Amino acid sequence: MSTITESVDVEVDVSTAYNQWTQFESFPQFMEGVDQIRQLDDTHTHWKITVAGATREFEATITEQHPDERVAWRSDTGPEHAGVVTFHRLDDTRTRVTAQMDIDPEGFVENVADKLGILNLRVKGDMKRFKEFIENRGGQETGAWRGDVDRPGA
């Protein structure tokens, strides 16, 4: 299991950054290797990704979500992974977005990609592209979901 942590400061307020992140179906526009995401309901998504030429599909569950603070998830099928994205207000117009993911690569190709640091570079690039995506939209998110999902057992 590998842990990847990456942060990026975006030139938008915390609500705008958070709102855009909740639009999972827009992830292919800025995440390399994410081919498609379908939002199944408020807490379930279906992903189709490509890593080092290998295509994978899996389902994931949002395990915790609090507006302007955090979105956490875990995979239910496919490659085992879990993570959290947090949003930190720097000032009225800047937000730090931090992604932390635990990934257990599945198969030879994914393990090699992990060992060579390709997965780390991909997440770093994804965060940079998220910054460009939201800032190039003039700070306008494509939508928002402001619901709360409490952590299991909370």
N, C-alpha and C. Protein backbone atom coordinates (compact mmCIF):
# COMPACT_ATOMS: atom_id res chain seq x y z
N MET A 1 0.87 -1.18 0.00
CA MET A 1 0.00 0.00 0.00
C MET A 1 0.90 1.23 0.00
N SER A 2 0.64 2.15 -0.92
CA SER A 2 1.38 3.40 -1.01
C SER A 2 0.49 4.54 -0.58
N THR A 3 1.10 5.54 0.05
CA THR A 3 0.38 6.75 0.42
C THR A 3 0.93 7.89 -0.42
N ILE A 4 0.01 8.63 -1.02
CA ILE A 4 0.35 9.78 -1.84
C ILE A 4 -0.33 10.99 -1.24
N THR A 5 0.44 12.06 -1.03
CA THR A 5 -0.12 13.32 -0.52
C THR A 5 0.35 14.44 -1.42
N GLU A 6 -0.59 15.26 -1.85
CA GLU A 6 -0.26 16.39 -2.72
C GLU A 6 -1.20 17.55 -2.41
N SER A 7 -0.65 18.76 -2.42
CA SER A 7 -1.44 19.97 -2.18
C SER A 7 -1.25 20.95 -3.31
N VAL A 8 -2.27 21.79 -3.50
CA VAL A 8 -2.18 22.86 -4.47
C VAL A 8 -2.98 24.04 -3.93
N ASP A 9 -2.46 25.25 -4.12
CA ASP A 9 -3.17 26.46 -3.73
C ASP A 9 -3.89 26.99 -4.96
N VAL A 10 -5.21 27.17 -4.83
CA VAL A 10 -6.01 27.66 -5.95
C VAL A 10 -6.50 29.06 -5.65
N GLU A 11 -6.61 29.85 -6.69
CA GLU A 11 -7.01 31.26 -6.57
C GLU A 11 -8.54 31.40 -6.64
N VAL A 12 -9.22 30.66 -5.77
CA VAL A 12 -10.67 30.76 -5.61
C VAL A 12 -10.98 30.59 -4.12
N ASP A 13 -12.18 31.05 -3.72
CA ASP A 13 -12.56 30.89 -2.31
C ASP A 13 -12.82 29.42 -2.01
N VAL A 14 -12.86 29.10 -0.74
CA VAL A 14 -12.97 27.71 -0.30
C VAL A 14 -14.26 27.05 -0.80
N SER A 15 -15.37 27.77 -0.82
CA SER A 15 -16.63 27.18 -1.27
C SER A 15 -16.58 26.81 -2.74
N THR A 16 -15.98 27.66 -3.56
CA THR A 16 -15.87 27.37 -4.99
C THR A 16 -14.99 26.14 -5.22
N ALA A 17 -13.86 26.05 -4.54
CA ALA A 17 -12.97 24.89 -4.69
C ALA A 17 -13.70 23.62 -4.27
N TYR A 18 -14.36 23.65 -3.13
CA TYR A 18 -15.09 22.50 -2.64
C TYR A 18 -16.22 22.12 -3.59
N ASN A 19 -17.01 23.11 -4.00
CA ASN A 19 -18.14 22.83 -4.89
C ASN A 19 -17.68 22.13 -6.16
N GLN A 20 -16.58 22.61 -6.76
CA GLN A 20 -16.09 21.98 -7.99
C GLN A 20 -15.65 20.55 -7.71
N TRP A 21 -14.99 20.32 -6.59
CA TRP A 21 -14.51 18.97 -6.30
C TRP A 21 -15.66 17.98 -6.15
N THR A 22 -16.84 18.44 -5.75
CA THR A 22 -17.98 17.54 -5.59
C THR A 22 -18.60 17.14 -6.93
N GLN A 23 -18.13 17.70 -8.01
CA GLN A 23 -18.64 17.39 -9.35
C GLN A 23 -17.77 16.29 -9.96
N PHE A 24 -17.93 15.08 -9.44
CA PHE A 24 -17.07 13.95 -9.81
C PHE A 24 -17.08 13.67 -11.30
N GLU A 25 -18.21 13.87 -11.96
CA GLU A 25 -18.30 13.57 -13.38
C GLU A 25 -17.42 14.50 -14.23
N SER A 26 -16.94 15.61 -13.64
CA SER A 26 -16.02 16.50 -14.36
C SER A 26 -14.55 16.09 -14.20
N PHE A 27 -14.25 15.12 -13.35
CA PHE A 27 -12.86 14.72 -13.12
C PHE A 27 -12.09 14.37 -14.39
N PRO A 28 -12.69 13.70 -15.38
CA PRO A 28 -11.91 13.40 -16.59
C PRO A 28 -11.38 14.64 -17.30
N GLN A 29 -11.94 15.80 -17.02
CA GLN A 29 -11.46 17.02 -17.66
C GLN A 29 -10.11 17.49 -17.10
N PHE A 30 -9.73 16.99 -15.91
CA PHE A 30 -8.44 17.41 -15.35
C PHE A 30 -7.64 16.27 -14.72
N MET A 31 -8.18 15.08 -14.66
CA MET A 31 -7.44 13.95 -14.08
C MET A 31 -6.98 13.00 -15.18
N GLU A 32 -5.68 12.86 -15.30
CA GLU A 32 -5.09 11.96 -16.28
C GLU A 32 -5.47 10.52 -15.95
N GLY A 33 -5.89 9.79 -16.96
CA GLY A 33 -6.21 8.38 -16.76
C GLY A 33 -7.61 8.12 -16.26
N VAL A 34 -8.36 9.17 -15.91
CA VAL A 34 -9.76 8.98 -15.53
C VAL A 34 -10.58 9.15 -16.80
N ASP A 35 -11.15 8.04 -17.24
CA ASP A 35 -11.89 8.05 -18.50
C ASP A 35 -13.34 8.48 -18.29
N GLN A 36 -13.94 8.04 -17.19
CA GLN A 36 -15.35 8.35 -16.94
C GLN A 36 -15.68 8.11 -15.47
N ILE A 37 -16.54 8.96 -14.92
CA ILE A 37 -17.12 8.75 -13.59
C ILE A 37 -18.61 8.97 -13.72
N ARG A 38 -19.37 8.03 -13.18
CA ARG A 38 -20.82 8.20 -13.11
C ARG A 38 -21.21 8.29 -11.65
N GLN A 39 -21.97 9.31 -11.32
CA GLN A 39 -22.50 9.48 -9.96
C GLN A 39 -23.76 8.62 -9.88
N LEU A 40 -23.73 7.56 -9.07
CA LEU A 40 -24.85 6.63 -8.97
C LEU A 40 -25.93 7.14 -8.02
N ASP A 41 -25.49 7.75 -6.92
CA ASP A 41 -26.38 8.40 -5.96
C ASP A 41 -25.52 9.33 -5.12
N ASP A 42 -26.04 9.85 -4.02
CA ASP A 42 -25.28 10.85 -3.24
C ASP A 42 -23.94 10.33 -2.73
N THR A 43 -23.80 9.03 -2.52
CA THR A 43 -22.56 8.52 -1.92
C THR A 43 -21.86 7.43 -2.73
N HIS A 44 -22.34 7.14 -3.94
CA HIS A 44 -21.72 6.06 -4.72
C HIS A 44 -21.38 6.54 -6.13
N THR A 45 -20.17 6.14 -6.59
CA THR A 45 -19.70 6.49 -7.93
C THR A 45 -19.16 5.24 -8.62
N HIS A 46 -19.21 5.26 -9.94
CA HIS A 46 -18.62 4.21 -10.76
C HIS A 46 -17.52 4.86 -11.60
N TRP A 47 -16.31 4.32 -11.52
CA TRP A 47 -15.14 4.88 -12.19
C TRP A 47 -14.64 3.95 -13.29
N LYS A 48 -14.15 4.54 -14.37
CA LYS A 48 -13.41 3.83 -15.41
C LYS A 48 -12.10 4.58 -15.57
N ILE A 49 -10.98 3.90 -15.31
CA ILE A 49 -9.66 4.54 -15.35
C ILE A 49 -8.71 3.74 -16.21
N THR A 50 -7.62 4.40 -16.61
CA THR A 50 -6.54 3.73 -17.31
C THR A 50 -5.23 4.09 -16.60
N VAL A 51 -4.50 3.06 -16.17
CA VAL A 51 -3.21 3.26 -15.52
C VAL A 51 -2.18 2.43 -16.28
N ALA A 52 -1.17 3.09 -16.82
CA ALA A 52 -0.09 2.43 -17.55
C ALA A 52 -0.65 1.48 -18.61
N GLY A 53 -1.68 1.92 -19.31
CA GLY A 53 -2.25 1.14 -20.39
C GLY A 53 -3.28 0.10 -19.97
N ALA A 54 -3.46 -0.12 -18.68
CA ALA A 54 -4.43 -1.10 -18.19
C ALA A 54 -5.71 -0.37 -17.78
N THR A 55 -6.85 -0.81 -18.31
CA THR A 55 -8.14 -0.20 -17.98
C THR A 55 -8.77 -0.96 -16.81
N ARG A 56 -9.29 -0.19 -15.87
CA ARG A 56 -9.95 -0.77 -14.69
C ARG A 56 -11.27 -0.04 -14.47
N GLU A 57 -12.25 -0.76 -13.95
CA GLU A 57 -13.51 -0.16 -13.53
C GLU A 57 -13.74 -0.56 -12.08
N PHE A 58 -14.29 0.37 -11.31
CA PHE A 58 -14.57 0.07 -9.92
C PHE A 58 -15.65 1.01 -9.39
N GLU A 59 -16.18 0.64 -8.25
CA GLU A 59 -17.16 1.46 -7.55
C GLU A 59 -16.49 2.00 -6.30
N ALA A 60 -16.91 3.20 -5.92
CA ALA A 60 -16.38 3.83 -4.71
C ALA A 60 -17.53 4.43 -3.91
N THR A 61 -17.32 4.50 -2.61
CA THR A 61 -18.31 5.07 -1.69
C THR A 61 -17.73 6.30 -1.01
N ILE A 62 -18.49 7.38 -1.00
CA ILE A 62 -18.13 8.57 -0.21
C ILE A 62 -18.38 8.20 1.24
N THR A 63 -17.35 8.19 2.06
CA THR A 63 -17.49 7.77 3.45
C THR A 63 -17.66 8.94 4.42
N GLU A 64 -17.30 10.13 3.97
CA GLU A 64 -17.46 11.33 4.79
C GLU A 64 -17.40 12.54 3.87
N GLN A 65 -18.29 13.49 4.11
CA GLN A 65 -18.28 14.70 3.30
C GLN A 65 -18.90 15.83 4.11
N HIS A 66 -18.15 16.93 4.21
CA HIS A 66 -18.62 18.12 4.93
C HIS A 66 -18.28 19.34 4.10
N PRO A 67 -19.31 20.14 3.76
CA PRO A 67 -19.09 21.30 2.89
C PRO A 67 -17.94 22.18 3.34
N ASP A 68 -17.10 22.55 2.37
CA ASP A 68 -15.96 23.45 2.54
C ASP A 68 -14.86 22.87 3.43
N GLU A 69 -14.95 21.58 3.78
CA GLU A 69 -13.95 20.97 4.65
C GLU A 69 -13.29 19.73 4.05
N ARG A 70 -14.09 18.71 3.68
CA ARG A 70 -13.49 17.44 3.29
C ARG A 70 -14.44 16.55 2.51
N VAL A 71 -13.83 15.69 1.69
CA VAL A 71 -14.52 14.61 1.00
C VAL A 71 -13.61 13.38 1.15
N ALA A 72 -14.14 12.30 1.73
CA ALA A 72 -13.37 11.07 1.91
C ALA A 72 -14.09 9.93 1.20
N TRP A 73 -13.32 8.95 0.73
CA TRP A 73 -13.90 7.83 0.00
C TRP A 73 -13.07 6.58 0.20
N ARG A 74 -13.65 5.47 -0.24
CA ARG A 74 -12.95 4.19 -0.31
C ARG A 74 -13.52 3.41 -1.49
N SER A 75 -12.67 2.60 -2.10
CA SER A 75 -13.15 1.77 -3.21
C SER A 75 -13.94 0.59 -2.64
N ASP A 76 -14.94 0.16 -3.38
CA ASP A 76 -15.74 -1.00 -2.99
C ASP A 76 -15.36 -2.22 -3.82
N THR A 77 -14.89 -1.98 -5.04
CA THR A 77 -14.49 -3.04 -5.96
C THR A 77 -13.23 -2.57 -6.68
N GLY A 78 -12.58 -3.48 -7.38
CA GLY A 78 -11.41 -3.11 -8.19
C GLY A 78 -10.20 -2.80 -7.34
N PRO A 79 -9.29 -1.96 -7.87
CA PRO A 79 -8.07 -1.63 -7.14
C PRO A 79 -8.41 -1.04 -5.76
N GLU A 80 -7.76 -1.56 -4.72
CA GLU A 80 -8.04 -1.09 -3.36
C GLU A 80 -7.40 0.28 -3.13
N HIS A 81 -8.22 1.25 -2.75
CA HIS A 81 -7.70 2.56 -2.42
C HIS A 81 -8.73 3.32 -1.58
N ALA A 82 -8.23 4.31 -0.88
CA ALA A 82 -9.07 5.19 -0.06
C ALA A 82 -8.35 6.52 0.02
N GLY A 83 -9.11 7.56 0.36
CA GLY A 83 -8.46 8.85 0.45
C GLY A 83 -9.37 9.92 1.01
N VAL A 84 -8.78 11.09 1.12
CA VAL A 84 -9.51 12.26 1.59
C VAL A 84 -8.93 13.49 0.90
N VAL A 85 -9.81 14.40 0.53
CA VAL A 85 -9.40 15.69 0.01
C VAL A 85 -9.92 16.72 0.99
N THR A 86 -9.01 17.59 1.46
CA THR A 86 -9.40 18.63 2.41
C THR A 86 -9.21 20.00 1.79
N PHE A 87 -9.99 20.95 2.30
CA PHE A 87 -10.02 22.31 1.77
C PHE A 87 -9.71 23.27 2.91
N HIS A 88 -8.67 24.08 2.74
CA HIS A 88 -8.20 24.98 3.79
C HIS A 88 -8.24 26.42 3.28
N ARG A 89 -9.02 27.25 3.94
CA ARG A 89 -9.14 28.66 3.56
C ARG A 89 -7.84 29.37 3.89
N LEU A 90 -7.19 29.93 2.89
CA LEU A 90 -5.98 30.72 3.12
C LEU A 90 -6.33 32.18 3.33
N ASP A 91 -7.29 32.66 2.53
CA ASP A 91 -7.87 34.00 2.69
C ASP A 91 -9.16 34.01 1.88
N ASP A 92 -9.75 35.16 1.66
CA ASP A 92 -11.05 35.23 0.98
C ASP A 92 -11.02 34.73 -0.46
N THR A 93 -9.84 34.71 -1.08
CA THR A 93 -9.77 34.35 -2.50
C THR A 93 -8.79 33.21 -2.81
N ARG A 94 -8.25 32.56 -1.77
CA ARG A 94 -7.29 31.48 -1.99
C ARG A 94 -7.59 30.31 -1.06
N THR A 95 -7.44 29.11 -1.62
CA THR A 95 -7.72 27.88 -0.87
C THR A 95 -6.62 26.87 -1.13
N ARG A 96 -6.20 26.17 -0.10
CA ARG A 96 -5.28 25.05 -0.26
C ARG A 96 -6.11 23.76 -0.32
N VAL A 97 -5.93 23.01 -1.40
CA VAL A 97 -6.61 21.73 -1.58
C VAL A 97 -5.56 20.65 -1.41
N THR A 98 -5.79 19.72 -0.47
CA THR A 98 -4.84 18.66 -0.18
C THR A 98 -5.50 17.31 -0.39
N ALA A 99 -4.87 16.48 -1.20
CA ALA A 99 -5.34 15.12 -1.45
C ALA A 99 -4.38 14.15 -0.78
N GLN A 100 -4.94 13.21 -0.02
CA GLN A 100 -4.14 12.13 0.56
C GLN A 100 -4.82 10.83 0.19
N MET A 101 -4.07 9.94 -0.47
CA MET A 101 -4.63 8.68 -0.93
C MET A 101 -3.75 7.51 -0.52
N ASP A 102 -4.41 6.44 -0.12
CA ASP A 102 -3.75 5.16 0.11
C ASP A 102 -4.15 4.26 -1.03
N ILE A 103 -3.17 3.78 -1.78
CA ILE A 103 -3.42 2.99 -2.98
C ILE A 103 -2.68 1.67 -2.88
N ASP A 104 -3.39 0.57 -3.16
CA ASP A 104 -2.77 -0.74 -3.24
C ASP A 104 -2.82 -1.16 -4.70
N PRO A 105 -1.74 -0.93 -5.45
CA PRO A 105 -1.76 -1.22 -6.88
C PRO A 105 -2.13 -2.68 -7.16
N GLU A 106 -2.90 -2.87 -8.23
CA GLU A 106 -3.38 -4.20 -8.60
C GLU A 106 -2.68 -4.63 -9.87
N GLY A 107 -1.97 -5.73 -9.83
CA GLY A 107 -1.34 -6.26 -11.03
C GLY A 107 0.07 -5.73 -11.25
N PHE A 108 0.79 -6.38 -12.14
CA PHE A 108 2.18 -6.06 -12.41
C PHE A 108 2.37 -4.63 -12.91
N VAL A 109 1.56 -4.22 -13.90
CA VAL A 109 1.74 -2.90 -14.52
C VAL A 109 1.55 -1.79 -13.48
N GLU A 110 0.49 -1.90 -12.66
CA GLU A 110 0.24 -0.86 -11.66
C GLU A 110 1.33 -0.84 -10.59
N ASN A 111 1.84 -2.03 -10.21
CA ASN A 111 2.92 -2.08 -9.22
C ASN A 111 4.19 -1.43 -9.75
N VAL A 112 4.51 -1.67 -11.00
CA VAL A 112 5.69 -1.03 -11.61
C VAL A 112 5.47 0.49 -11.65
N ALA A 113 4.29 0.92 -12.07
CA ALA A 113 3.99 2.36 -12.12
C ALA A 113 4.15 2.99 -10.75
N ASP A 114 3.71 2.29 -9.71
CA ASP A 114 3.84 2.79 -8.34
C ASP A 114 5.31 2.88 -7.94
N LYS A 115 6.06 1.82 -8.18
CA LYS A 115 7.48 1.79 -7.78
C LYS A 115 8.30 2.84 -8.51
N LEU A 116 7.94 3.16 -9.75
CA LEU A 116 8.67 4.17 -10.52
C LEU A 116 8.22 5.60 -10.20
N GLY A 117 7.24 5.74 -9.31
CA GLY A 117 6.76 7.07 -8.94
C GLY A 117 5.77 7.66 -9.93
N ILE A 118 5.31 6.86 -10.89
CA ILE A 118 4.38 7.37 -11.89
C ILE A 118 3.06 7.79 -11.26
N LEU A 119 2.58 7.02 -10.27
CA LEU A 119 1.32 7.37 -9.61
C LEU A 119 1.45 8.70 -8.87
N ASN A 120 2.59 8.92 -8.19
CA ASN A 120 2.81 10.20 -7.51
C ASN A 120 2.80 11.35 -8.49
N LEU A 121 3.49 11.17 -9.63
CA LEU A 121 3.53 12.22 -10.64
C LEU A 121 2.15 12.49 -11.23
N ARG A 122 1.36 11.44 -11.37
CA ARG A 122 0.01 11.60 -11.92
C ARG A 122 -0.84 12.44 -10.97
N VAL A 123 -0.79 12.14 -9.67
CA VAL A 123 -1.59 12.91 -8.70
C VAL A 123 -1.12 14.36 -8.66
N LYS A 124 0.20 14.58 -8.68
CA LYS A 124 0.72 15.94 -8.71
C LYS A 124 0.19 16.69 -9.93
N GLY A 125 0.22 16.04 -11.09
CA GLY A 125 -0.30 16.65 -12.31
C GLY A 125 -1.80 16.90 -12.23
N ASP A 126 -2.54 15.97 -11.65
CA ASP A 126 -3.99 16.13 -11.51
C ASP A 126 -4.32 17.34 -10.65
N MET A 127 -3.58 17.53 -9.57
CA MET A 127 -3.84 18.68 -8.70
C MET A 127 -3.52 19.99 -9.43
N LYS A 128 -2.44 20.00 -10.19
CA LYS A 128 -2.08 21.19 -10.97
C LYS A 128 -3.16 21.49 -12.01
N ARG A 129 -3.65 20.43 -12.67
CA ARG A 129 -4.70 20.61 -13.67
C ARG A 129 -6.03 21.03 -13.03
N PHE A 130 -6.31 20.58 -11.80
CA PHE A 130 -7.51 21.06 -11.10
C PHE A 130 -7.41 22.57 -10.88
N LYS A 131 -6.23 23.02 -10.46
CA LYS A 131 -6.00 24.46 -10.26
C LYS A 131 -6.28 25.22 -11.55
N GLU A 132 -5.71 24.76 -12.65
CA GLU A 132 -5.91 25.41 -13.95
C GLU A 132 -7.38 25.36 -14.36
N PHE A 133 -8.02 24.21 -14.14
CA PHE A 133 -9.42 24.02 -14.52
C PHE A 133 -10.32 25.04 -13.83
N ILE A 134 -10.20 25.17 -12.51
CA ILE A 134 -11.10 26.07 -11.78
C ILE A 134 -10.72 27.53 -12.00
N GLU A 135 -9.44 27.83 -12.05
CA GLU A 135 -9.03 29.22 -12.26
C GLU A 135 -9.35 29.70 -13.67
N ASN A 136 -9.20 28.83 -14.67
CA ASN A 136 -9.49 29.22 -16.06
C ASN A 136 -10.99 29.39 -16.31
N ARG A 137 -11.80 28.93 -15.40
CA ARG A 137 -13.25 29.12 -15.49
C ARG A 137 -13.66 30.44 -14.84
N GLY A 138 -12.68 31.26 -14.48
CA GLY A 138 -12.99 32.52 -13.82
C GLY A 138 -13.52 32.33 -12.41
N GLY A 139 -13.13 31.21 -11.80
CA GLY A 139 -13.57 30.94 -10.44
C GLY A 139 -15.01 30.48 -10.34
N GLN A 140 -15.58 30.02 -11.45
CA GLN A 140 -16.96 29.54 -11.46
C GLN A 140 -16.98 28.02 -11.50
N GLU A 141 -17.56 27.40 -10.50
CA GLU A 141 -17.67 25.95 -10.48
C GLU A 141 -18.73 25.48 -11.46
N THR A 142 -18.65 24.22 -11.87
CA THR A 142 -19.62 23.65 -12.81
C THR A 142 -20.88 23.17 -12.10
N GLY A 143 -20.88 23.16 -10.79
CA GLY A 143 -22.01 22.71 -9.99
C GLY A 143 -21.57 22.57 -8.56
N ALA A 144 -22.46 22.04 -7.72
CA ALA A 144 -22.14 21.87 -6.31
C ALA A 144 -23.05 20.84 -5.68
N TRP A 145 -22.53 20.13 -4.71
CA TRP A 145 -23.35 19.29 -3.85
C TRP A 145 -22.95 19.64 -2.43
N ARG A 146 -23.86 20.18 -1.66
CA ARG A 146 -23.54 20.72 -0.33
C ARG A 146 -24.05 19.83 0.80
N GLY A 147 -24.37 18.58 0.49
CA GLY A 147 -24.87 17.67 1.52
C GLY A 147 -23.77 17.22 2.46
N ASP A 148 -24.18 16.74 3.62
CA ASP A 148 -23.27 16.18 4.62
C ASP A 148 -23.36 14.66 4.60
N VAL A 149 -22.21 14.01 4.70
CA VAL A 149 -22.15 12.57 4.86
C VAL A 149 -21.29 12.35 6.10
N ASP A 150 -21.90 11.81 7.15
CA ASP A 150 -21.15 11.58 8.39
C ASP A 150 -20.33 10.30 8.28
N ARG A 151 -19.15 10.35 8.89
CA ARG A 151 -18.24 9.21 8.93
C ARG A 151 -18.97 8.03 9.57
N PRO A 152 -18.79 6.82 9.04
CA PRO A 152 -19.45 5.65 9.65
C PRO A 152 -19.12 5.56 11.13
N GLY A 153 -20.13 5.33 11.94
CA GLY A 153 -19.94 5.20 13.37
C GLY A 153 -19.88 6.51 14.11
N ALA A 154 -20.01 7.64 13.39
CA ALA A 154 -19.93 8.96 14.05
C ALA A 154 -21.28 9.36 14.62
